[in-house]
């Protein structure tokens, strides 16, 4: 994660995101730098507009997978409440179906025995 943070720092300060700059930021932060990870990140960010990506990430609702914590719990509680409401509706519909099934089965038996 610190590699991404270093890239964000470079972007925010208006510096070019390249291997040397990224390595310098990571070194200054006391991170043991892996050159392969630096190269991979620089290559991955080559065609990315970081400012636009940050804006899009900020627009994602707090209940997203990355948010975790209380916001996700709140979403789960709402979902559970919706499911409970749906189950009550299904039960009510099932109760009505039972009466219809009994009536229908009685009619069928009546027809058999005349």
N, C-alpha and C. Protein backbone atom coordinates (compact mmCIF):
# COMPACT_ATOMS: atom_id res chain seq x y z
N UNK A 1 0.83 -1.18 0.00
CA UNK A 1 0.00 0.00 0.00
C UNK A 1 0.88 1.25 0.00
N UNK A 2 2.01 1.15 0.64
CA UNK A 2 2.88 2.33 0.69
C UNK A 2 3.38 2.75 -0.69
N UNK A 3 3.43 1.80 -1.63
CA UNK A 3 3.85 2.14 -2.99
C UNK A 3 2.80 3.05 -3.63
N UNK A 4 1.53 2.71 -3.43
CA UNK A 4 0.45 3.52 -3.98
C UNK A 4 0.43 4.90 -3.32
N UNK A 5 0.64 4.91 -2.01
CA UNK A 5 0.69 6.20 -1.30
C UNK A 5 1.82 7.07 -1.84
N UNK A 6 2.95 6.47 -2.11
CA UNK A 6 4.08 7.22 -2.65
C UNK A 6 3.71 7.81 -4.01
N UNK A 7 3.01 7.04 -4.83
CA UNK A 7 2.58 7.54 -6.13
C UNK A 7 1.59 8.69 -5.96
N UNK A 8 0.70 8.57 -4.98
CA UNK A 8 -0.25 9.66 -4.72
C UNK A 8 0.45 10.92 -4.26
N UNK A 9 1.48 10.76 -3.44
CA UNK A 9 2.26 11.92 -2.98
C UNK A 9 2.92 12.60 -4.17
N UNK A 10 3.53 11.81 -5.05
CA UNK A 10 4.17 12.38 -6.23
C UNK A 10 3.16 13.11 -7.10
N UNK A 11 1.99 12.50 -7.29
CA UNK A 11 0.95 13.13 -8.10
C UNK A 11 0.49 14.45 -7.48
N UNK A 12 0.26 14.43 -6.17
CA UNK A 12 -0.22 15.62 -5.47
C UNK A 12 0.80 16.76 -5.52
N UNK A 13 2.07 16.40 -5.48
CA UNK A 13 3.11 17.43 -5.50
C UNK A 13 3.49 17.86 -6.92
N UNK A 14 2.86 17.24 -7.91
CA UNK A 14 3.11 17.62 -9.29
C UNK A 14 4.37 17.00 -9.88
N UNK A 15 4.94 16.05 -9.20
CA UNK A 15 6.15 15.39 -9.69
C UNK A 15 5.77 14.24 -10.63
N UNK A 16 6.68 13.91 -11.53
CA UNK A 16 6.46 12.80 -12.44
C UNK A 16 6.54 11.48 -11.67
N UNK A 17 5.63 10.58 -11.99
CA UNK A 17 5.66 9.27 -11.34
C UNK A 17 6.54 8.36 -12.20
N UNK A 18 7.77 8.25 -11.77
CA UNK A 18 8.71 7.35 -12.45
C UNK A 18 9.45 6.53 -11.39
N UNK A 19 10.26 5.60 -11.83
CA UNK A 19 10.92 4.68 -10.90
C UNK A 19 11.82 5.40 -9.90
N UNK A 20 12.59 6.38 -10.39
CA UNK A 20 13.51 7.10 -9.50
C UNK A 20 12.75 7.89 -8.43
N UNK A 21 11.75 8.64 -8.84
CA UNK A 21 10.99 9.45 -7.88
C UNK A 21 10.25 8.58 -6.87
N UNK A 22 9.66 7.52 -7.35
CA UNK A 22 8.94 6.61 -6.47
C UNK A 22 9.88 5.95 -5.46
N UNK A 23 11.03 5.53 -5.94
CA UNK A 23 12.04 4.93 -5.06
C UNK A 23 12.51 5.93 -4.01
N UNK A 24 12.73 7.18 -4.43
CA UNK A 24 13.18 8.21 -3.48
C UNK A 24 12.15 8.46 -2.37
N UNK A 25 10.87 8.51 -2.74
CA UNK A 25 9.82 8.74 -1.73
C UNK A 25 9.76 7.55 -0.77
N UNK A 26 9.83 6.35 -1.31
CA UNK A 26 9.77 5.15 -0.46
C UNK A 26 10.99 5.07 0.46
N UNK A 27 12.16 5.38 -0.07
CA UNK A 27 13.38 5.41 0.76
C UNK A 27 13.24 6.42 1.89
N UNK A 28 12.72 7.60 1.56
CA UNK A 28 12.57 8.64 2.57
C UNK A 28 11.60 8.21 3.67
N UNK A 29 10.64 7.34 3.30
CA UNK A 29 9.67 6.86 4.28
C UNK A 29 10.19 5.66 5.06
N UNK A 30 11.38 5.19 4.70
CA UNK A 30 11.97 4.05 5.41
C UNK A 30 11.45 2.70 4.95
N UNK A 31 10.92 2.64 3.74
CA UNK A 31 10.40 1.38 3.20
C UNK A 31 11.52 0.64 2.49
N UNK A 32 11.57 -0.68 2.69
CA UNK A 32 12.50 -1.51 1.93
C UNK A 32 11.93 -1.65 0.52
N UNK A 33 12.58 -1.01 -0.43
CA UNK A 33 12.04 -0.90 -1.78
C UNK A 33 12.37 -2.15 -2.59
N UNK A 34 11.34 -2.70 -3.23
CA UNK A 34 11.51 -3.80 -4.18
C UNK A 34 11.37 -3.22 -5.58
N UNK A 35 12.45 -3.31 -6.34
CA UNK A 35 12.47 -2.71 -7.67
C UNK A 35 11.37 -3.25 -8.57
N UNK A 36 11.07 -4.53 -8.44
CA UNK A 36 10.04 -5.14 -9.31
C UNK A 36 8.66 -4.53 -9.03
N UNK A 37 8.39 -4.24 -7.76
CA UNK A 37 7.11 -3.63 -7.42
C UNK A 37 7.05 -2.19 -7.92
N UNK A 38 8.17 -1.48 -7.84
CA UNK A 38 8.23 -0.10 -8.33
C UNK A 38 7.98 -0.09 -9.83
N UNK A 39 8.65 -0.98 -10.56
CA UNK A 39 8.47 -1.05 -12.01
C UNK A 39 7.03 -1.41 -12.37
N UNK A 40 6.47 -2.36 -11.65
CA UNK A 40 5.10 -2.78 -11.93
C UNK A 40 4.11 -1.64 -11.70
N UNK A 41 4.30 -0.89 -10.62
CA UNK A 41 3.39 0.21 -10.33
C UNK A 41 3.53 1.33 -11.36
N UNK A 42 4.73 1.67 -11.70
CA UNK A 42 4.95 2.73 -12.70
C UNK A 42 4.31 2.31 -14.03
N UNK A 43 4.46 1.05 -14.41
CA UNK A 43 3.87 0.56 -15.65
C UNK A 43 2.34 0.58 -15.57
N UNK A 44 1.80 0.21 -14.42
CA UNK A 44 0.35 0.16 -14.25
C UNK A 44 -0.27 1.56 -14.28
N UNK A 45 0.46 2.54 -13.80
CA UNK A 45 -0.06 3.91 -13.73
C UNK A 45 0.25 4.74 -14.98
N UNK A 46 0.91 4.12 -15.94
CA UNK A 46 1.36 4.85 -17.12
C UNK A 46 0.23 5.58 -17.84
N UNK A 47 -0.91 4.95 -18.05
CA UNK A 47 -2.01 5.57 -18.79
C UNK A 47 -3.18 5.95 -17.89
N UNK A 48 -2.94 6.07 -16.59
CA UNK A 48 -4.01 6.35 -15.64
C UNK A 48 -4.00 7.83 -15.26
N UNK A 49 -5.18 8.45 -15.30
CA UNK A 49 -5.32 9.81 -14.79
C UNK A 49 -5.65 9.68 -13.31
N UNK A 50 -4.66 9.86 -12.46
CA UNK A 50 -4.81 9.62 -11.02
C UNK A 50 -5.86 10.54 -10.41
N UNK A 51 -5.89 11.79 -10.83
CA UNK A 51 -6.89 12.72 -10.28
C UNK A 51 -8.30 12.23 -10.57
N UNK A 52 -8.53 11.75 -11.77
CA UNK A 52 -9.85 11.23 -12.14
C UNK A 52 -10.17 9.96 -11.35
N UNK A 53 -9.18 9.09 -11.18
CA UNK A 53 -9.39 7.85 -10.42
C UNK A 53 -9.73 8.15 -8.96
N UNK A 54 -9.09 9.16 -8.39
CA UNK A 54 -9.36 9.55 -7.01
C UNK A 54 -10.78 10.11 -6.90
N UNK A 55 -11.20 10.92 -7.87
CA UNK A 55 -12.55 11.46 -7.86
C UNK A 55 -13.59 10.36 -7.94
N UNK A 56 -13.35 9.37 -8.81
CA UNK A 56 -14.28 8.26 -8.94
C UNK A 56 -14.34 7.44 -7.65
N UNK A 57 -13.20 7.25 -7.02
CA UNK A 57 -13.16 6.49 -5.77
C UNK A 57 -13.90 7.24 -4.67
N UNK A 58 -13.83 8.54 -4.68
CA UNK A 58 -14.52 9.34 -3.67
C UNK A 58 -16.02 9.31 -3.89
N UNK A 59 -16.46 9.04 -5.11
CA UNK A 59 -17.88 9.00 -5.42
C UNK A 59 -18.53 7.67 -5.05
N UNK A 60 -17.73 6.66 -4.73
CA UNK A 60 -18.26 5.35 -4.36
C UNK A 60 -18.91 5.44 -2.99
N UNK A 61 -20.11 4.86 -2.83
CA UNK A 61 -20.78 4.91 -1.52
C UNK A 61 -19.93 4.29 -0.42
N UNK A 62 -20.12 4.77 0.80
CA UNK A 62 -19.33 4.31 1.93
C UNK A 62 -19.55 2.84 2.22
N UNK A 63 -20.62 2.24 1.78
CA UNK A 63 -20.91 0.84 2.04
C UNK A 63 -20.19 -0.10 1.10
N UNK A 64 -19.26 0.42 0.26
CA UNK A 64 -18.52 -0.41 -0.67
C UNK A 64 -17.64 -1.42 0.03
N UNK A 65 -17.14 -2.39 -0.69
CA UNK A 65 -16.35 -3.46 -0.11
C UNK A 65 -15.09 -2.96 0.58
N UNK A 66 -14.50 -1.92 0.04
CA UNK A 66 -13.27 -1.42 0.63
C UNK A 66 -13.50 -0.61 1.90
N UNK A 67 -14.71 -0.12 2.10
CA UNK A 67 -14.98 0.75 3.24
C UNK A 67 -14.94 0.00 4.56
N UNK A 68 -15.55 -1.18 4.62
CA UNK A 68 -15.55 -1.98 5.84
C UNK A 68 -16.18 -1.25 7.00
N UNK A 69 -16.01 -1.78 8.20
CA UNK A 69 -16.42 -1.13 9.43
C UNK A 69 -17.89 -0.86 9.55
N UNK A 70 -18.23 0.21 10.23
CA UNK A 70 -19.61 0.54 10.56
C UNK A 70 -20.45 0.80 9.32
N UNK A 71 -19.88 1.41 8.32
CA UNK A 71 -20.65 1.70 7.12
C UNK A 71 -21.12 0.40 6.47
N UNK A 72 -20.27 -0.59 6.39
CA UNK A 72 -20.66 -1.86 5.81
C UNK A 72 -21.67 -2.56 6.69
N UNK A 73 -21.52 -2.44 8.00
CA UNK A 73 -22.48 -3.05 8.91
C UNK A 73 -23.85 -2.42 8.72
N UNK A 74 -23.90 -1.12 8.55
CA UNK A 74 -25.17 -0.44 8.32
C UNK A 74 -25.83 -0.95 7.06
N UNK A 75 -25.07 -1.16 6.02
CA UNK A 75 -25.61 -1.70 4.77
C UNK A 75 -26.13 -3.11 4.97
N UNK A 76 -25.42 -3.89 5.77
CA UNK A 76 -25.85 -5.26 6.03
C UNK A 76 -27.15 -5.27 6.83
N UNK A 77 -27.28 -4.34 7.77
CA UNK A 77 -28.51 -4.25 8.56
C UNK A 77 -29.69 -3.88 7.67
N UNK A 78 -29.49 -2.95 6.75
CA UNK A 78 -30.56 -2.56 5.84
C UNK A 78 -30.96 -3.74 4.96
N UNK A 79 -29.95 -4.49 4.48
CA UNK A 79 -30.22 -5.65 3.65
C UNK A 79 -31.02 -6.69 4.42
N UNK A 80 -30.62 -6.92 5.67
CA UNK A 80 -31.31 -7.90 6.50
C UNK A 80 -32.76 -7.48 6.72
N UNK A 81 -32.98 -6.18 6.94
CA UNK A 81 -34.33 -5.68 7.14
C UNK A 81 -35.16 -5.88 5.88
N UNK A 82 -34.56 -5.63 4.72
CA UNK A 82 -35.27 -5.83 3.47
C UNK A 82 -35.62 -7.29 3.27
N UNK A 83 -34.67 -8.19 3.61
CA UNK A 83 -34.92 -9.61 3.46
C UNK A 83 -36.04 -10.05 4.39
N UNK A 84 -36.04 -9.55 5.62
CA UNK A 84 -37.10 -9.92 6.57
C UNK A 84 -38.44 -9.47 6.04
N UNK A 85 -38.50 -8.28 5.50
CA UNK A 85 -39.74 -7.77 4.92
C UNK A 85 -40.18 -8.64 3.76
N UNK A 86 -39.24 -9.06 2.95
CA UNK A 86 -39.54 -9.93 1.82
C UNK A 86 -40.03 -11.29 2.28
N UNK A 87 -39.46 -11.81 3.37
CA UNK A 87 -39.89 -13.10 3.90
C UNK A 87 -41.31 -13.02 4.42
N UNK A 88 -41.66 -11.92 5.09
CA UNK A 88 -43.02 -11.75 5.60
C UNK A 88 -44.01 -11.73 4.45
N UNK A 89 -43.66 -11.05 3.38
CA UNK A 89 -44.53 -10.99 2.22
C UNK A 89 -44.70 -12.37 1.62
N UNK A 90 -43.59 -13.13 1.54
CA UNK A 90 -43.66 -14.48 1.00
C UNK A 90 -44.53 -15.37 1.87
N UNK A 91 -44.38 -15.25 3.20
CA UNK A 91 -45.18 -16.05 4.11
C UNK A 91 -46.66 -15.74 3.94
N UNK A 92 -46.99 -14.46 3.81
CA UNK A 92 -48.37 -14.07 3.62
C UNK A 92 -48.89 -14.65 2.30
N UNK A 93 -48.07 -14.62 1.29
CA UNK A 93 -48.46 -15.17 0.00
C UNK A 93 -48.59 -16.68 0.10
N UNK A 94 -47.72 -17.33 0.85
CA UNK A 94 -47.78 -18.78 1.03
C UNK A 94 -49.06 -19.17 1.75
N UNK A 95 -49.46 -18.41 2.76
CA UNK A 95 -50.69 -18.71 3.51
C UNK A 95 -51.89 -18.65 2.58
N UNK A 96 -51.91 -17.69 1.72
CA UNK A 96 -53.00 -17.58 0.75
C UNK A 96 -52.97 -18.75 -0.22
N UNK A 97 -51.81 -19.19 -0.60
CA UNK A 97 -51.66 -20.31 -1.52
C UNK A 97 -52.17 -21.59 -0.90
N UNK A 98 -51.99 -21.76 0.43
CA UNK A 98 -52.44 -22.97 1.10
C UNK A 98 -53.94 -23.13 0.95
N UNK A 99 -54.67 -22.04 1.15
CA UNK A 99 -56.12 -22.09 1.03
C UNK A 99 -56.52 -22.46 -0.39
N UNK A 100 -55.85 -21.86 -1.34
CA UNK A 100 -56.15 -22.15 -2.74
C UNK A 100 -55.82 -23.58 -3.07
N UNK A 101 -54.70 -24.09 -2.53
CA UNK A 101 -54.30 -25.47 -2.79
C UNK A 101 -55.32 -26.43 -2.22
N UNK A 102 -55.81 -26.15 -1.01
CA UNK A 102 -56.80 -27.01 -0.38
C UNK A 102 -58.10 -27.01 -1.19
N UNK A 103 -58.50 -25.82 -1.62
CA UNK A 103 -59.72 -25.72 -2.43
C UNK A 103 -59.55 -26.48 -3.73
N UNK A 104 -58.39 -26.29 -4.36
CA UNK A 104 -58.14 -26.94 -5.63
C UNK A 104 -58.07 -28.46 -5.46
N UNK A 105 -57.44 -28.92 -4.39
CA UNK A 105 -57.32 -30.36 -4.19
C UNK A 105 -58.67 -30.96 -3.83
N UNK A 106 -59.48 -30.21 -3.10
CA UNK A 106 -60.83 -30.69 -2.79
C UNK A 106 -61.70 -30.80 -4.02
N UNK A 107 -61.57 -29.86 -4.90
CA UNK A 107 -62.35 -29.90 -6.12
C UNK A 107 -61.95 -31.10 -6.96
N UNK A 108 -60.65 -31.35 -6.99
CA UNK A 108 -60.17 -32.50 -7.78
C UNK A 108 -60.71 -33.81 -7.23
N UNK A 109 -60.71 -33.99 -5.92
CA UNK A 109 -61.22 -35.20 -5.31
C UNK A 109 -62.71 -35.33 -5.50
N UNK A 110 -63.39 -34.19 -5.39
CA UNK A 110 -64.84 -34.21 -5.62
C UNK A 110 -65.19 -34.68 -7.00
N UNK A 111 -64.39 -34.26 -7.97
CA UNK A 111 -64.66 -34.67 -9.34
C UNK A 111 -64.43 -36.16 -9.52
N UNK A 112 -63.43 -36.72 -8.80
CA UNK A 112 -63.14 -38.15 -8.92
C UNK A 112 -64.29 -39.00 -8.39
N UNK A 113 -64.85 -38.57 -7.25
CA UNK A 113 -65.86 -39.39 -6.60
C UNK A 113 -67.27 -38.94 -6.92
N UNK A 114 -67.41 -37.93 -7.72
CA UNK A 114 -68.67 -37.46 -8.21
C UNK A 114 -69.52 -36.88 -7.20
